[in-house]
Amino acid sequence: IRNICKELSVRDLSSGDATITLAFTEKTKLPPARVIELASRANKKYSITPDHRLRVRMNEITWPRIHDELTYLRSLINV
């Protein structure tokens, strides 16, 4: 998880009861257009907070699930 966060330039990862929140540095390779596209989906899994963090709704907050989500986000870098 730490390595993927480093690749994505995540400066902070925090979790709540049903969400994880990612704060990126300005050097992130994740295209802003892709993040906006995620947040615009009808399922509302992703949202952008007022302080520009990516919030991801998850049914279960476990390290394997967080790893899967980060792996998915990493896959968007080369899309």
PDB file of N, CA and C in Angstrom:
ATOM      1  N   ILE A   1       0.839  -1.187   0.000  1.00  0.00           N
ATOM      2  CA  ILE A   1       0.000   0.000   0.000  1.00  0.00           C
ATOM      3  C   ILE A   1       0.877   1.241   0.000  1.00  0.00           C
ATOM      4  N   ARG A   2       1.927   1.221   0.793  1.00  0.00           N
ATOM      5  CA  ARG A   2       2.828   2.370   0.860  1.00  0.00           C
ATOM      6  C   ARG A   2       3.468   2.639  -0.508  1.00  0.00           C
ATOM      7  N   ASN A   3       3.876   1.579  -1.192  1.00  0.00           N
ATOM      8  CA  ASN A   3       4.512   1.754  -2.506  1.00  0.00           C
ATOM      9  C   ASN A   3       3.537   2.317  -3.541  1.00  0.00           C
ATOM     10  N   ILE A   4       2.300   1.844  -3.518  1.00  0.00           N
ATOM     11  CA  ILE A   4       1.313   2.357  -4.471  1.00  0.00           C
ATOM     12  C   ILE A   4       1.009   3.818  -4.159  1.00  0.00           C
ATOM     13  N   CYS A   5       0.892   4.150  -2.877  1.00  0.00           N
ATOM     14  CA  CYS A   5       0.661   5.547  -2.501  1.00  0.00           C
ATOM     15  C   CYS A   5       1.810   6.422  -2.995  1.00  0.00           C
ATOM     16  N   LYS A   6       3.018   5.907  -2.899  1.00  0.00           N
ATOM     17  CA  LYS A   6       4.180   6.662  -3.377  1.00  0.00           C
ATOM     18  C   LYS A   6       4.087   6.872  -4.895  1.00  0.00           C
ATOM     19  N   GLU A   7       3.710   5.822  -5.626  1.00  0.00           N
ATOM     20  CA  GLU A   7       3.564   5.936  -7.081  1.00  0.00           C
ATOM     21  C   GLU A   7       2.490   6.950  -7.462  1.00  0.00           C
ATOM     22  N   LEU A   8       1.414   6.987  -6.692  1.00  0.00           N
ATOM     23  CA  LEU A   8       0.309   7.908  -6.968  1.00  0.00           C
ATOM     24  C   LEU A   8       0.543   9.303  -6.400  1.00  0.00           C
ATOM     25  N   SER A   9       1.618   9.474  -5.644  1.00  0.00           N
ATOM     26  CA  SER A   9       1.914  10.735  -4.951  1.00  0.00           C
ATOM     27  C   SER A   9       0.802  11.105  -3.976  1.00  0.00           C
ATOM     28  N   VAL A  10       0.391  10.113  -3.194  1.00  0.00           N
ATOM     29  CA  VAL A  10      -0.589  10.334  -2.132  1.00  0.00           C
ATOM     30  C   VAL A  10       0.178  10.812  -0.902  1.00  0.00           C
ATOM     31  N   ARG A  11      -0.198  11.961  -0.379  1.00  0.00           N
ATOM     32  CA  ARG A  11       0.488  12.482   0.805  1.00  0.00           C
ATOM     33  C   ARG A  11      -0.231  12.105   2.083  1.00  0.00           C
ATOM     34  N   ASP A  12      -1.507  11.703   1.957  1.00  0.00           N
ATOM     35  CA  ASP A  12      -2.267  11.309   3.138  1.00  0.00           C
ATOM     36  C   ASP A  12      -3.368  10.346   2.735  1.00  0.00           C
ATOM     37  N   LEU A  13      -3.486   9.250   3.470  1.00  0.00           N
ATOM     38  CA  LEU A  13      -4.566   8.300   3.295  1.00  0.00           C
ATOM     39  C   LEU A  13      -5.222   8.158   4.657  1.00  0.00           C
ATOM     40  N   SER A  14      -6.513   8.412   4.724  1.00  0.00           N
ATOM     41  CA  SER A  14      -7.228   8.256   5.988  1.00  0.00           C
ATOM     42  C   SER A  14      -8.499   7.470   5.733  1.00  0.00           C
ATOM     43  N   SER A  15      -9.017   6.867   6.791  1.00  0.00           N
ATOM     44  CA  SER A  15     -10.237   6.077   6.619  1.00  0.00           C
ATOM     45  C   SER A  15     -11.249   6.426   7.686  1.00  0.00           C
ATOM     46  N   GLY A  16     -12.490   6.218   7.312  1.00  0.00           N
ATOM     47  CA  GLY A  16     -13.609   6.405   8.229  1.00  0.00           C
ATOM     48  C   GLY A  16     -14.381   5.103   8.307  1.00  0.00           C
ATOM     49  N   ASP A  17     -15.628   5.167   8.700  1.00  0.00           N
ATOM     50  CA  ASP A  17     -16.437   3.954   8.820  1.00  0.00           C
ATOM     51  C   ASP A  17     -16.684   3.268   7.477  1.00  0.00           C
ATOM     52  N   ALA A  18     -16.926   4.046   6.449  1.00  0.00           N
ATOM     53  CA  ALA A  18     -17.263   3.458   5.149  1.00  0.00           C
ATOM     54  C   ALA A  18     -16.542   4.140   3.994  1.00  0.00           C
ATOM     55  N   THR A  19     -15.505   4.919   4.290  1.00  0.00           N
ATOM     56  CA  THR A  19     -14.780   5.621   3.226  1.00  0.00           C
ATOM     57  C   THR A  19     -13.284   5.644   3.513  1.00  0.00           C
ATOM     58  N   ILE A  20     -12.528   5.781   2.440  1.00  0.00           N
ATOM     59  CA  ILE A  20     -11.134   6.176   2.562  1.00  0.00           C
ATOM     60  C   ILE A  20     -11.003   7.508   1.835  1.00  0.00           C
ATOM     61  N   THR A  21     -10.083   8.316   2.278  1.00  0.00           N
ATOM     62  CA  THR A  21      -9.871   9.627   1.673  1.00  0.00           C
ATOM     63  C   THR A  21      -8.402   9.758   1.325  1.00  0.00           C
ATOM     64  N   LEU A  22      -8.146  10.207   0.100  1.00  0.00           N
ATOM     65  CA  LEU A  22      -6.779  10.343  -0.401  1.00  0.00           C
ATOM     66  C   LEU A  22      -6.489  11.805  -0.703  1.00  0.00           C
ATOM     67  N   ALA A  23      -5.371  12.270  -0.193  1.00  0.00           N
ATOM     68  CA  ALA A  23      -4.893  13.613  -0.524  1.00  0.00           C
ATOM     69  C   ALA A  23      -3.635  13.430  -1.372  1.00  0.00           C
ATOM     70  N   PHE A  24      -3.637  14.032  -2.540  1.00  0.00           N
ATOM     71  CA  PHE A  24      -2.531  13.901  -3.473  1.00  0.00           C
ATOM     72  C   PHE A  24      -1.626  15.127  -3.408  1.00  0.00           C
ATOM     73  N   THR A  25      -0.360  14.911  -3.755  1.00  0.00           N
ATOM     74  CA  THR A  25       0.531  16.051  -3.923  1.00  0.00           C
ATOM     75  C   THR A  25       0.304  16.619  -5.315  1.00  0.00           C
ATOM     76  N   GLU A  26       0.867  17.771  -5.577  1.00  0.00           N
ATOM     77  CA  GLU A  26       0.729  18.375  -6.906  1.00  0.00           C
ATOM     78  C   GLU A  26       1.491  17.590  -7.970  1.00  0.00           C
ATOM     79  N   LYS A  27       2.323  16.630  -7.562  1.00  0.00           N
ATOM     80  CA  LYS A  27       3.114  15.837  -8.506  1.00  0.00           C
ATOM     81  C   LYS A  27       2.446  14.521  -8.900  1.00  0.00           C
ATOM     82  N   THR A  28       1.203  14.315  -8.504  1.00  0.00           N
ATOM     83  CA  THR A  28       0.544  13.056  -8.821  1.00  0.00           C
ATOM     84  C   THR A  28       0.465  12.832 -10.322  1.00  0.00           C
ATOM     85  N   LYS A  29       0.598  11.579 -10.700  1.00  0.00           N
ATOM     86  CA  LYS A  29       0.501  11.218 -12.111  1.00  0.00           C
ATOM     87  C   LYS A  29      -0.926  10.842 -12.496  1.00  0.00           C
ATOM     88  N   LEU A  30      -1.806  10.812 -11.514  1.00  0.00           N
ATOM     89  CA  LEU A  30      -3.206  10.509 -11.787  1.00  0.00           C
ATOM     90  C   LEU A  30      -3.845  11.713 -12.464  1.00  0.00           C
ATOM     91  N   PRO A  31      -4.304  11.552 -13.701  1.00  0.00           N
ATOM     92  CA  PRO A  31      -4.849  12.688 -14.442  1.00  0.00           C
ATOM     93  C   PRO A  31      -6.094  13.283 -13.774  1.00  0.00           C
ATOM     94  N   PRO A  32      -6.128  14.581 -13.570  1.00  0.00           N
ATOM     95  CA  PRO A  32      -7.300  15.220 -12.960  1.00  0.00           C
ATOM     96  C   PRO A  32      -8.598  14.905 -13.700  1.00  0.00           C
ATOM     97  N   ALA A  33      -8.529  14.793 -15.008  1.00  0.00           N
ATOM     98  CA  ALA A  33      -9.736  14.485 -15.789  1.00  0.00           C
ATOM     99  C   ALA A  33     -10.302  13.120 -15.407  1.00  0.00           C
ATOM    100  N   ARG A  34      -9.431  12.166 -15.118  1.00  0.00           N
ATOM    101  CA  ARG A  34      -9.884  10.834 -14.704  1.00  0.00           C
ATOM    102  C   ARG A  34     -10.545  10.895 -13.330  1.00  0.00           C
ATOM    103  N   VAL A  35      -9.990  11.689 -12.434  1.00  0.00           N
ATOM    104  CA  VAL A  35     -10.566  11.829 -11.094  1.00  0.00           C
ATOM    105  C   VAL A  35     -11.953  12.464 -11.191  1.00  0.00           C
ATOM    106  N   ILE A  36     -12.079  13.475 -12.004  1.00  0.00           N
ATOM    107  CA  ILE A  36     -13.381  14.128 -12.199  1.00  0.00           C
ATOM    108  C   ILE A  36     -14.374  13.152 -12.815  1.00  0.00           C
ATOM    109  N   GLU A  37     -13.900  12.349 -13.761  1.00  0.00           N
ATOM    110  CA  GLU A  37     -14.762  11.344 -14.379  1.00  0.00           C
ATOM    111  C   GLU A  37     -15.258  10.339 -13.333  1.00  0.00           C
ATOM    112  N   LEU A  38     -14.363   9.899 -12.450  1.00  0.00           N
ATOM    113  CA  LEU A  38     -14.762   8.979 -11.385  1.00  0.00           C
ATOM    114  C   LEU A  38     -15.833   9.608 -10.497  1.00  0.00           C
ATOM    115  N   ALA A  39     -15.623  10.852 -10.123  1.00  0.00           N
ATOM    116  CA  ALA A  39     -16.550  11.546  -9.228  1.00  0.00           C
ATOM    117  C   ALA A  39     -17.893  11.826  -9.902  1.00  0.00           C
ATOM    118  N   SER A  40     -17.928  11.796 -11.227  1.00  0.00           N
ATOM    119  CA  SER A  40     -19.157  12.087 -11.965  1.00  0.00           C
ATOM    120  C   SER A  40     -20.021  10.856 -12.212  1.00  0.00           C
ATOM    121  N   ARG A  41     -19.535   9.697 -11.865  1.00  0.00           N
ATOM    122  CA  ARG A  41     -20.288   8.470 -12.105  1.00  0.00           C
ATOM    123  C   ARG A  41     -21.562   8.437 -11.268  1.00  0.00           C
ATOM    124  N   ALA A  42     -22.562   7.781 -11.809  1.00  0.00           N
ATOM    125  CA  ALA A  42     -23.872   7.717 -11.155  1.00  0.00           C
ATOM    126  C   ALA A  42     -23.853   6.937  -9.842  1.00  0.00           C
ATOM    127  N   ASN A  43     -22.926   5.992  -9.694  1.00  0.00           N
ATOM    128  CA  ASN A  43     -22.941   5.162  -8.485  1.00  0.00           C
ATOM    129  C   ASN A  43     -22.440   5.897  -7.238  1.00  0.00           C
ATOM    130  N   LYS A  44     -21.859   7.076  -7.406  1.00  0.00           N
ATOM    131  CA  LYS A  44     -21.414   7.925  -6.291  1.00  0.00           C
ATOM    132  C   LYS A  44     -20.395   7.244  -5.383  1.00  0.00           C
ATOM    133  N   LYS A  45     -19.641   6.282  -5.925  1.00  0.00           N
ATOM    134  CA  LYS A  45     -18.584   5.639  -5.139  1.00  0.00           C
ATOM    135  C   LYS A  45     -17.471   6.631  -4.835  1.00  0.00           C
ATOM    136  N   TYR A  46     -17.196   7.503  -5.789  1.00  0.00           N
ATOM    137  CA  TYR A  46     -16.113   8.484  -5.660  1.00  0.00           C
ATOM    138  C   TYR A  46     -16.694   9.886  -5.542  1.00  0.00           C
ATOM    139  N   SER A  47     -16.043  10.696  -4.739  1.00  0.00           N
ATOM    140  CA  SER A  47     -16.422  12.108  -4.670  1.00  0.00           C
ATOM    141  C   SER A  47     -15.171  12.922  -4.357  1.00  0.00           C
ATOM    142  N   ILE A  48     -15.263  14.200  -4.634  1.00  0.00           N
ATOM    143  CA  ILE A  48     -14.157  15.111  -4.356  1.00  0.00           C
ATOM    144  C   ILE A  48     -14.605  16.036  -3.236  1.00  0.00           C
ATOM    145  N   THR A  49     -13.794  16.121  -2.202  1.00  0.00           N
ATOM    146  CA  THR A  49     -14.139  16.962  -1.058  1.00  0.00           C
ATOM    147  C   THR A  49     -13.816  18.420  -1.374  1.00  0.00           C
ATOM    148  N   PRO A  50     -14.353  19.358  -0.605  1.00  0.00           N
ATOM    149  CA  PRO A  50     -14.052  20.776  -0.842  1.00  0.00           C
ATOM    150  C   PRO A  50     -12.551  21.109  -0.767  1.00  0.00           C
ATOM    151  N   ASP A  51     -11.786  20.310  -0.011  1.00  0.00           N
ATOM    152  CA  ASP A  51     -10.338  20.560   0.063  1.00  0.00           C
ATOM    153  C   ASP A  51      -9.558  19.678  -0.929  1.00  0.00           C
ATOM    154  N   HIS A  52     -10.245  19.227  -1.997  1.00  0.00           N
ATOM    155  CA  HIS A  52      -9.648  18.544  -3.150  1.00  0.00           C
ATOM    156  C   HIS A  52      -9.069  17.173  -2.823  1.00  0.00           C
ATOM    157  N   ARG A  53      -9.685  16.469  -1.921  1.00  0.00           N
ATOM    158  CA  ARG A  53      -9.302  15.091  -1.641  1.00  0.00           C
ATOM    159  C   ARG A  53     -10.271  14.169  -2.368  1.00  0.00           C
ATOM    160  N   LEU A  54      -9.782  12.983  -2.701  1.00  0.00           N
ATOM    161  CA  LEU A  54     -10.640  11.987  -3.332  1.00  0.00           C
ATOM    162  C   LEU A  54     -11.193  11.076  -2.242  1.00  0.00           C
ATOM    163  N   ARG A  55     -12.514  11.029  -2.133  1.00  0.00           N
ATOM    164  CA  ARG A  55     -13.175  10.170  -1.150  1.00  0.00           C
ATOM    165  C   ARG A  55     -13.740   8.964  -1.893  1.00  0.00           C
ATOM    166  N   VAL A  56     -13.463   7.779  -1.346  1.00  0.00           N
ATOM    167  CA  VAL A  56     -13.908   6.538  -1.963  1.00  0.00           C
ATOM    168  C   VAL A  56     -14.803   5.801  -0.967  1.00  0.00           C
ATOM    169  N   ARG A  57     -16.053   5.612  -1.346  1.00  0.00           N
ATOM    170  CA  ARG A  57     -16.965   4.835  -0.495  1.00  0.00           C
ATOM    171  C   ARG A  57     -16.662   3.360  -0.676  1.00  0.00           C
ATOM    172  N   MET A  58     -16.582   2.635   0.434  1.00  0.00           N
ATOM    173  CA  MET A  58     -16.286   1.210   0.380  1.00  0.00           C
ATOM    174  C   MET A  58     -17.211   0.475   1.343  1.00  0.00           C
ATOM    175  N   ASN A  59     -17.610  -0.735   0.961  1.00  0.00           N
ATOM    176  CA  ASN A  59     -18.471  -1.538   1.826  1.00  0.00           C
ATOM    177  C   ASN A  59     -17.708  -2.067   3.028  1.00  0.00           C
ATOM    178  N   GLU A  60     -16.424  -2.311   2.836  1.00  0.00           N
ATOM    179  CA  GLU A  60     -15.616  -2.912   3.884  1.00  0.00           C
ATOM    180  C   GLU A  60     -14.236  -2.258   3.867  1.00  0.00           C
ATOM    181  N   ILE A  61     -13.824  -1.713   4.985  1.00  0.00           N
ATOM    182  CA  ILE A  61     -12.512  -1.079   5.081  1.00  0.00           C
ATOM    183  C   ILE A  61     -11.533  -2.108   5.653  1.00  0.00           C
ATOM    184  N   THR A  62     -10.816  -2.761   4.754  1.00  0.00           N
ATOM    185  CA  THR A  62      -9.763  -3.702   5.145  1.00  0.00           C
ATOM    186  C   THR A  62      -8.544  -3.398   4.293  1.00  0.00           C
ATOM    187  N   TRP A  63      -7.381  -3.805   4.761  1.00  0.00           N
ATOM    188  CA  TRP A  63      -6.160  -3.539   3.984  1.00  0.00           C
ATOM    189  C   TRP A  63      -6.222  -4.159   2.589  1.00  0.00           C
ATOM    190  N   PRO A  64      -6.710  -5.404   2.427  1.00  0.00           N
ATOM    191  CA  PRO A  64      -6.800  -5.940   1.057  1.00  0.00           C
ATOM    192  C   PRO A  64      -7.716  -5.117   0.155  1.00  0.00           C
ATOM    193  N   ARG A  65      -8.832  -4.636   0.686  1.00  0.00           N
ATOM    194  CA  ARG A  65      -9.754  -3.814  -0.117  1.00  0.00           C
ATOM    195  C   ARG A  65      -9.120  -2.467  -0.472  1.00  0.00           C
ATOM    196  N   ILE A  66      -8.420  -1.871   0.486  1.00  0.00           N
ATOM    197  CA  ILE A  66      -7.729  -0.612   0.213  1.00  0.00           C
ATOM    198  C   ILE A  66      -6.659  -0.833  -0.856  1.00  0.00           C
ATOM    199  N   HIS A  67      -5.935  -1.930  -0.748  1.00  0.00           N
ATOM    200  CA  HIS A  67      -4.919  -2.259  -1.753  1.00  0.00           C
ATOM    201  C   HIS A  67      -5.552  -2.393  -3.131  1.00  0.00           C
ATOM    202  N   ASP A  68      -6.678  -3.088  -3.214  1.00  0.00           N
ATOM    203  CA  ASP A  68      -7.367  -3.252  -4.501  1.00  0.00           C
ATOM    204  C   ASP A  68      -7.785  -1.906  -5.082  1.00  0.00           C
ATOM    205  N   GLU A  69      -8.295  -1.033  -4.241  1.00  0.00           N
ATOM    206  CA  GLU A  69      -8.728   0.287  -4.717  1.00  0.00           C
ATOM    207  C   GLU A  69      -7.548   1.101  -5.212  1.00  0.00           C
ATOM    208  N   LEU A  70      -6.452   1.085  -4.474  1.00  0.00           N
ATOM    209  CA  LEU A  70      -5.254   1.823  -4.894  1.00  0.00           C
ATOM    210  C   LEU A  70      -4.677   1.244  -6.174  1.00  0.00           C
ATOM    211  N   THR A  71      -4.727  -0.067  -6.314  1.00  0.00           N
ATOM    212  CA  THR A  71      -4.253  -0.710  -7.542  1.00  0.00           C
ATOM    213  C   THR A  71      -5.096  -0.261  -8.731  1.00  0.00           C
ATOM    214  N   TYR A  72      -6.403  -0.169  -8.524  1.00  0.00           N
ATOM    215  CA  TYR A  72      -7.284   0.324  -9.582  1.00  0.00           C
ATOM    216  C   TYR A  72      -6.928   1.763  -9.962  1.00  0.00           C
ATOM    217  N   LEU A  73      -6.738   2.609  -8.974  1.00  0.00           N
ATOM    218  CA  LEU A  73      -6.385   4.005  -9.255  1.00  0.00           C
ATOM    219  C   LEU A  73      -5.047   4.091  -9.977  1.00  0.00           C
ATOM    220  N   ARG A  74      -4.113   3.263  -9.587  1.00  0.00           N
ATOM    221  CA  ARG A  74      -2.806   3.239 -10.275  1.00  0.00           C
ATOM    222  C   ARG A  74      -2.980   2.841 -11.732  1.00  0.00           C
ATOM    223  N   SER A  75      -3.913   1.932 -12.024  1.00  0.00           N
ATOM    224  CA  SER A  75      -4.131   1.505 -13.400  1.00  0.00           C
ATOM    225  C   SER A  75      -4.633   2.647 -14.283  1.00  0.00           C
ATOM    226  N   LEU A  76      -5.209   3.687 -13.676  1.00  0.00           N
ATOM    227  CA  LEU A  76      -5.731   4.832 -14.434  1.00  0.00           C
ATOM    228  C   LEU A  76      -4.627   5.784 -14.898  1.00  0.00           C
ATOM    229  N   ILE A  77      -3.438   5.622 -14.374  1.00  0.00           N
ATOM    230  CA  ILE A  77      -2.339   6.504 -14.763  1.00  0.00           C
ATOM    231  C   ILE A  77      -2.006   6.346 -16.239  1.00  0.00           C
ATOM    232  N   ASN A  78      -2.043   5.136 -16.735  1.00  0.00           N
ATOM    233  CA  ASN A  78      -1.630   4.875 -18.115  1.00  0.00           C
ATOM    234  C   ASN A  78      -2.799   4.785 -19.078  1.00  0.00           C
ATOM    235  N   VAL A  79      -3.994   5.129 -18.629  1.00  0.00           N
ATOM    236  CA  VAL A  79      -5.173   5.032 -19.510  1.00  0.00           C
ATOM    237  C   VAL A  79      -5.273   6.275 -20.361  1.00  0.00           C
TER     238      VAL A  79
END
